[in-house]
Protein backbone atom coordinates (compact mmCIF):
# COMPACT_ATOMS: atom_id res chain seq x y z
CA MET A 1 -10.67 3.63 28.42
CA ALA A 2 -7.31 4.55 26.94
CA ALA A 3 -6.44 8.25 26.84
CA ALA A 4 -6.75 10.02 23.50
CA GLU A 5 -3.53 9.92 21.51
CA SER A 6 -2.08 11.96 18.65
CA THR A 7 -0.63 10.39 15.52
CA VAL A 8 2.87 11.37 16.66
CA ALA A 9 2.37 9.81 20.09
CA ALA A 10 0.79 6.69 18.62
CA LEU A 11 3.70 6.26 16.24
CA ALA A 12 6.24 6.60 19.05
CA ARG A 13 4.34 4.15 21.24
CA GLY A 14 4.03 1.65 18.41
CA ARG A 15 7.72 1.88 17.63
CA ALA A 16 8.63 1.30 21.28
CA LEU A 17 6.34 -1.74 21.48
CA LEU A 18 7.88 -3.30 18.37
CA VAL A 19 11.43 -2.54 19.50
CA ALA A 20 10.65 -4.38 22.73
CA ALA A 21 9.39 -7.30 20.61
CA ASP A 22 12.72 -7.36 18.71
CA CYS A 23 11.20 -6.37 15.37
CA VAL A 24 14.08 -5.43 13.08
CA ASP A 25 12.23 -2.66 11.23
CA ALA A 26 10.23 -1.39 14.21
CA SER A 27 9.98 2.23 13.04
CA LEU A 28 8.93 1.34 9.50
CA ASP A 29 6.49 -1.33 10.64
CA ALA A 30 4.82 0.97 13.18
CA ARG A 31 4.43 3.64 10.53
CA LEU A 32 3.00 1.30 7.90
CA LEU A 33 0.45 -0.08 10.34
CA LEU A 34 -0.65 3.39 11.43
CA GLN A 35 -0.91 4.51 7.82
CA ALA A 36 -3.15 1.53 7.10
CA VAL A 37 -5.44 2.32 10.02
CA LEU A 38 -5.80 5.96 9.00
CA GLY A 39 -5.86 5.39 5.25
CA PHE A 40 -2.83 7.64 4.70
CA ASP A 41 0.33 7.34 2.68
CA HIS A 42 3.64 8.46 4.20
CA ALA A 43 3.17 12.09 3.18
CA GLY A 44 -0.35 12.11 4.56
CA LEU A 45 0.84 10.83 7.92
CA ILE A 46 3.44 13.58 8.12
CA LEU A 47 0.85 16.22 7.26
CA ALA A 48 -1.47 14.81 9.93
CA GLY A 49 0.97 16.04 12.55
CA GLU A 50 -0.70 16.05 15.94
CA ARG A 51 -4.10 14.88 14.71
CA MET A 52 -5.90 12.96 17.47
CA LEU A 53 -6.87 9.37 16.87
CA SER A 54 -10.37 8.18 17.54
CA ALA A 55 -10.95 5.40 20.06
CA GLU A 56 -11.76 3.10 17.15
CA ASP A 57 -8.52 3.99 15.35
CA MET A 58 -6.51 3.38 18.51
CA ALA A 59 -8.12 -0.01 19.04
CA ARG A 60 -7.43 -1.05 15.45
CA TYR A 61 -3.83 0.15 15.64
CA ASP A 62 -3.23 -1.70 18.90
CA ALA A 63 -4.62 -4.90 17.39
CA LEU A 64 -2.28 -4.64 14.42
CA LEU A 65 0.71 -3.87 16.64
CA LEU A 66 0.05 -6.98 18.71
CA ARG A 67 -0.06 -9.12 15.58
CA ARG A 68 3.27 -7.70 14.42
CA ALA A 69 4.79 -8.15 17.88
CA ALA A 70 3.78 -11.81 17.61
CA ASP A 71 5.96 -12.13 14.46
CA GLU A 72 3.29 -11.83 11.79
CA PRO A 73 4.82 -9.92 8.84
CA VAL A 74 3.38 -6.52 8.02
CA SER A 75 2.67 -7.69 4.48
CA LYS A 76 0.50 -10.54 5.73
CA ILE A 77 -1.24 -8.27 8.25
CA LEU A 78 -2.12 -5.73 5.58
CA GLY A 79 -2.53 -8.27 2.80
CA VAL A 80 -0.24 -6.46 0.39
CA ARG A 81 3.43 -6.40 -0.55
CA GLU A 82 5.15 -4.11 -3.06
CA PHE A 83 7.16 -5.95 -5.70
CA TYR A 84 9.04 -4.27 -8.53
CA GLY A 85 7.11 -1.06 -7.87
CA ARG A 86 3.66 -2.64 -7.92
CA PRO A 87 1.32 -3.73 -5.09
CA PHE A 88 0.57 -7.43 -4.83
CA ARG A 89 -2.07 -9.06 -2.70
CA VAL A 90 -0.61 -11.70 -0.39
CA THR A 91 -2.31 -14.24 1.85
CA ALA A 92 -1.34 -17.10 4.13
CA TYR A 93 -1.43 -19.35 1.05
CA VAL A 94 1.42 -17.68 -0.85
CA LEU A 95 5.07 -16.91 -0.33
CA ASP A 96 5.69 -13.29 0.61
CA PRO A 97 7.45 -11.78 -2.45
CA ARG A 98 10.85 -10.40 -1.46
CA ALA A 99 13.30 -7.94 -2.94
CA ASP A 100 15.78 -10.73 -3.68
CA THR A 101 13.35 -12.14 -6.24
CA GLU A 102 13.42 -8.86 -8.15
CA THR A 103 16.88 -9.91 -9.35
CA LEU A 104 15.17 -12.61 -11.42
CA VAL A 105 12.90 -10.00 -13.02
CA GLU A 106 15.88 -7.75 -13.76
CA LEU A 107 17.74 -10.60 -15.43
CA ALA A 108 14.68 -11.55 -17.48
CA LEU A 109 14.18 -7.99 -18.71
CA GLU A 110 17.78 -7.62 -19.88
CA GLN A 111 16.79 -9.38 -23.10
CA ALA A 112 13.79 -8.52 -25.23
CA LEU A 113 11.11 -11.14 -25.60
CA PRO A 114 10.24 -12.11 -29.20
CA ALA A 115 7.13 -10.43 -30.59
CA GLY A 116 4.14 -12.21 -29.12
CA GLY A 117 6.43 -14.05 -26.72
CA HIS A 118 5.12 -16.70 -24.36
CA VAL A 119 6.20 -16.92 -20.69
CA LEU A 120 5.74 -19.77 -18.21
CA ASP A 121 5.94 -19.33 -14.44
CA LEU A 122 6.34 -22.56 -12.48
CA GLY A 123 5.10 -22.28 -8.90
CA SER A 124 3.51 -18.86 -9.36
CA GLY A 125 2.33 -18.28 -5.78
CA SER A 126 1.18 -14.66 -5.59
CA GLY A 127 1.88 -14.21 -9.29
CA ALA A 128 4.55 -11.60 -8.59
CA LEU A 129 6.88 -12.93 -11.28
CA ILE A 130 4.48 -13.65 -14.13
CA CYS A 131 2.28 -10.59 -13.54
CA THR A 132 5.31 -8.29 -13.37
CA LEU A 133 6.75 -9.69 -16.59
CA LEU A 134 3.43 -9.40 -18.42
CA ALA A 135 3.07 -5.82 -17.18
CA GLU A 136 6.58 -5.01 -18.44
CA TRP A 137 6.00 -6.80 -21.77
CA PRO A 138 2.52 -5.67 -22.96
CA GLN A 139 2.64 -7.93 -26.06
CA ALA A 140 3.51 -11.10 -24.12
CA THR A 141 1.21 -13.87 -22.97
CA GLY A 142 1.79 -16.17 -20.04
CA VAL A 143 0.91 -19.33 -18.16
CA ALA A 144 1.08 -19.64 -14.38
CA VAL A 145 1.29 -23.08 -12.76
CA ASP A 146 0.92 -23.91 -9.08
CA LEU A 147 0.09 -26.97 -7.05
CA SER A 148 -2.09 -24.91 -4.69
CA PRO A 149 -5.58 -23.84 -5.84
CA ALA A 150 -5.57 -21.13 -3.16
CA ALA A 151 -2.31 -19.74 -4.50
CA LEU A 152 -3.65 -19.71 -8.05
CA GLN A 153 -6.63 -17.71 -6.85
CA VAL A 154 -4.21 -15.06 -5.53
CA THR A 155 -2.33 -15.12 -8.85
CA GLU A 156 -5.61 -14.48 -10.66
CA GLU A 157 -6.57 -11.64 -8.29
CA ASN A 158 -3.23 -9.92 -8.84
CA ALA A 159 -3.43 -10.41 -12.59
CA ARG A 160 -6.84 -8.70 -12.63
CA ALA A 161 -5.62 -5.86 -10.44
CA LEU A 162 -2.68 -5.22 -12.77
CA GLY A 163 -4.74 -5.58 -15.92
CA VAL A 164 -2.88 -8.57 -17.34
CA ASP A 165 -5.49 -11.26 -16.70
CA ASP A 166 -6.57 -11.32 -20.35
CA ARG A 167 -3.05 -12.47 -21.27
CA LEU A 168 -2.61 -15.03 -18.49
CA THR A 169 -3.74 -18.65 -18.18
CA VAL A 170 -3.53 -20.39 -14.79
CA LEU A 171 -3.09 -24.14 -14.46
CA GLU A 172 -3.22 -26.30 -11.34
CA GLY A 173 -0.59 -29.01 -11.05
CA ALA A 174 3.00 -29.93 -10.30
CA TRP A 175 5.60 -28.23 -12.47
CA PHE A 176 5.14 -29.22 -16.14
CA ALA A 177 2.39 -31.80 -15.56
CA PRO A 178 -0.52 -29.59 -16.75
CA VAL A 179 1.54 -27.67 -19.34
CA ALA A 180 1.37 -27.99 -23.13
CA GLY A 181 3.39 -26.14 -25.75
CA ARG A 182 6.72 -24.33 -25.75
CA PHE A 183 7.77 -21.04 -24.22
CA ASP A 184 10.29 -18.32 -24.98
CA LEU A 185 10.95 -17.85 -21.27
CA ILE A 186 10.42 -20.12 -18.29
CA VAL A 187 10.82 -18.64 -14.81
CA SER A 188 10.57 -20.14 -11.37
CA ASN A 189 11.24 -19.28 -7.75
CA PRO A 190 10.89 -22.85 -6.45
CA PRO A 191 11.07 -24.05 -2.85
CA TYR A 192 14.78 -24.36 -2.02
CA ILE A 193 15.06 -24.55 1.77
CA PRO A 194 16.39 -27.96 2.92
CA SER A 195 13.64 -29.71 4.87
CA GLY A 196 15.75 -29.90 8.02
CA ASP A 197 16.40 -26.15 8.02
CA ILE A 198 12.78 -25.00 8.05
CA ALA A 199 12.40 -25.27 11.82
CA GLY A 200 15.28 -22.82 12.24
CA LEU A 201 13.89 -20.12 9.95
CA GLN A 202 12.78 -16.76 11.32
CA PRO A 203 9.27 -16.94 12.80
CA GLU A 204 7.99 -14.48 10.19
CA VAL A 205 8.85 -17.04 7.51
CA ARG A 206 8.40 -20.34 9.34
CA ALA A 207 4.97 -19.54 10.73
CA HIS A 208 3.51 -17.35 8.00
CA ASP A 209 4.80 -18.58 4.62
CA PRO A 210 3.31 -21.87 3.37
CA HIS A 211 5.72 -24.77 3.85
CA LEU A 212 4.76 -25.98 0.38
CA ALA A 213 6.55 -22.89 -0.96
CA LEU A 214 9.60 -23.34 1.29
CA ASP A 215 10.46 -27.05 1.46
CA GLY A 216 12.97 -27.99 -1.21
CA GLY A 217 13.51 -31.54 -0.02
CA PRO A 218 16.38 -33.06 1.95
CA ASP A 219 19.11 -31.04 0.18
CA GLY A 220 16.97 -28.13 -1.01
CA LEU A 221 17.47 -29.12 -4.66
CA THR A 222 14.55 -31.48 -5.32
CA CYS A 223 12.51 -28.93 -7.27
CA TYR A 224 15.42 -27.93 -9.50
CA ARG A 225 15.82 -31.54 -10.58
CA ALA A 226 12.15 -31.70 -11.57
CA ILE A 227 12.30 -28.41 -13.46
CA ALA A 228 15.52 -29.26 -15.28
CA ALA A 229 14.18 -32.69 -16.27
CA GLY A 230 11.08 -31.25 -17.93
CA ALA A 231 12.30 -27.94 -19.31
CA ALA A 232 13.69 -29.10 -22.66
CA ALA A 233 10.30 -30.37 -23.80
CA HIS A 234 8.69 -26.98 -23.16
CA LEU A 235 11.37 -24.46 -24.14
CA ALA A 236 11.43 -22.83 -27.56
CA PRO A 237 14.65 -23.42 -29.55
CA ALA A 238 16.12 -20.03 -28.62
CA GLY A 239 14.35 -19.85 -25.28
CA ARG A 240 15.82 -19.44 -21.85
CA ILE A 241 14.99 -20.50 -18.33
CA ILE A 242 15.68 -18.42 -15.23
CA VAL A 243 15.45 -19.73 -11.67
CA GLU A 244 15.97 -18.18 -8.28
CA VAL A 245 18.43 -20.03 -6.03
CA GLY A 246 19.28 -19.91 -2.36
CA ALA A 247 22.58 -18.54 -1.08
CA GLY A 248 25.36 -20.99 -1.89
CA GLN A 249 23.25 -23.15 -4.23
CA ALA A 250 24.39 -21.73 -7.58
CA ALA A 251 27.05 -24.36 -8.33
CA ASP A 252 24.78 -27.29 -7.48
CA VAL A 253 21.85 -25.92 -9.48
CA SER A 254 24.11 -25.21 -12.46
CA SER A 255 25.33 -28.80 -12.32
CA ILE A 256 21.76 -30.12 -12.29
CA PHE A 257 20.85 -28.10 -15.39
CA ALA A 258 24.10 -29.02 -17.15
CA GLY A 259 23.22 -32.67 -16.66
CA ALA A 260 19.87 -32.02 -18.34
CA GLY A 261 21.47 -30.43 -21.42
CA PHE A 262 21.56 -26.75 -20.47
CA HIS A 263 24.38 -24.21 -20.24
CA LEU A 264 24.60 -21.32 -17.81
CA SER A 265 24.30 -18.10 -19.83
CA ALA A 266 23.95 -15.42 -17.13
CA GLU A 267 23.64 -14.89 -13.42
CA ARG A 268 22.59 -12.04 -11.15
CA ARG A 269 23.57 -11.25 -7.56
CA ASP A 270 21.21 -9.83 -4.96
CA LEU A 271 21.92 -6.78 -2.79
CA GLY A 272 23.66 -9.03 -0.27
CA GLY A 273 26.15 -10.19 -2.89
CA HIS A 274 24.75 -13.73 -3.21
CA ILE A 275 24.10 -15.25 -6.62
CA ARG A 276 20.32 -15.22 -6.63
CA ALA A 277 19.19 -15.79 -10.23
CA LEU A 278 20.60 -18.17 -12.86
CA GLN A 279 19.77 -18.14 -16.57
CA PHE A 280 20.15 -21.22 -18.77
CA GLY A 281 19.87 -21.98 -22.45
CA GLN A 282 19.81 -25.31 -24.23
CA LEU A 283 23.08 -26.76 -25.51
CA ALA A 284 23.31 -26.83 -29.30
């Protein structure tokens, strides 16, 4: 039987194990996993000091450490990821929401939505985009579309948790296929990784995010073509569409939308300096 261990010792051991496994954020990951086992937040873990862990707590912590050392993301281990200051449930069926995608939310919120505005999220996944926007705009209503029934279930769970489910409709299908009506804002974080690049992605992404949410076709632009082709029929006259793009894709995506009758009206860079979100409006 393993010797009893204090929270401080457990944290140090966990950090060392994850460093040896080449985890980039070993200290943070070890802390988050220990907090989950003990039911503490960061402050609570600090206050715990030299509290001794039970044998059960140690066993649970070790199991979580081994999963992280095997490249499973902490968010998928714990089933939650913070996005724009709110917790979102995540599963193996949805893309792990990332900070880069918050640039799309920031760009969307720069302009007020018309009273009673209507928002469409294409490829909603966890619902991070649509649920965040509905939470920020209490008078808005929204529609979330996804090809995956399992992903839509996660969208619905997050909408209920954030109290926006009464203003959200979920539809199963590809892009605009199940959609009727027009929207003041259309948003999407579509798959944009070229098919041939997926095998070279980090294990945390390649093995734990659904390929349906990653694979953007041979050149990574297949989904943008589908969205641009259908957007005009579903955008209100003064509406706008905002999409997330991969690093280096901005010019190509802008060209695709220009060919479909849209003009680039704004863009937003992520913390790494890459253009990450593009906003389009319809040409007069």
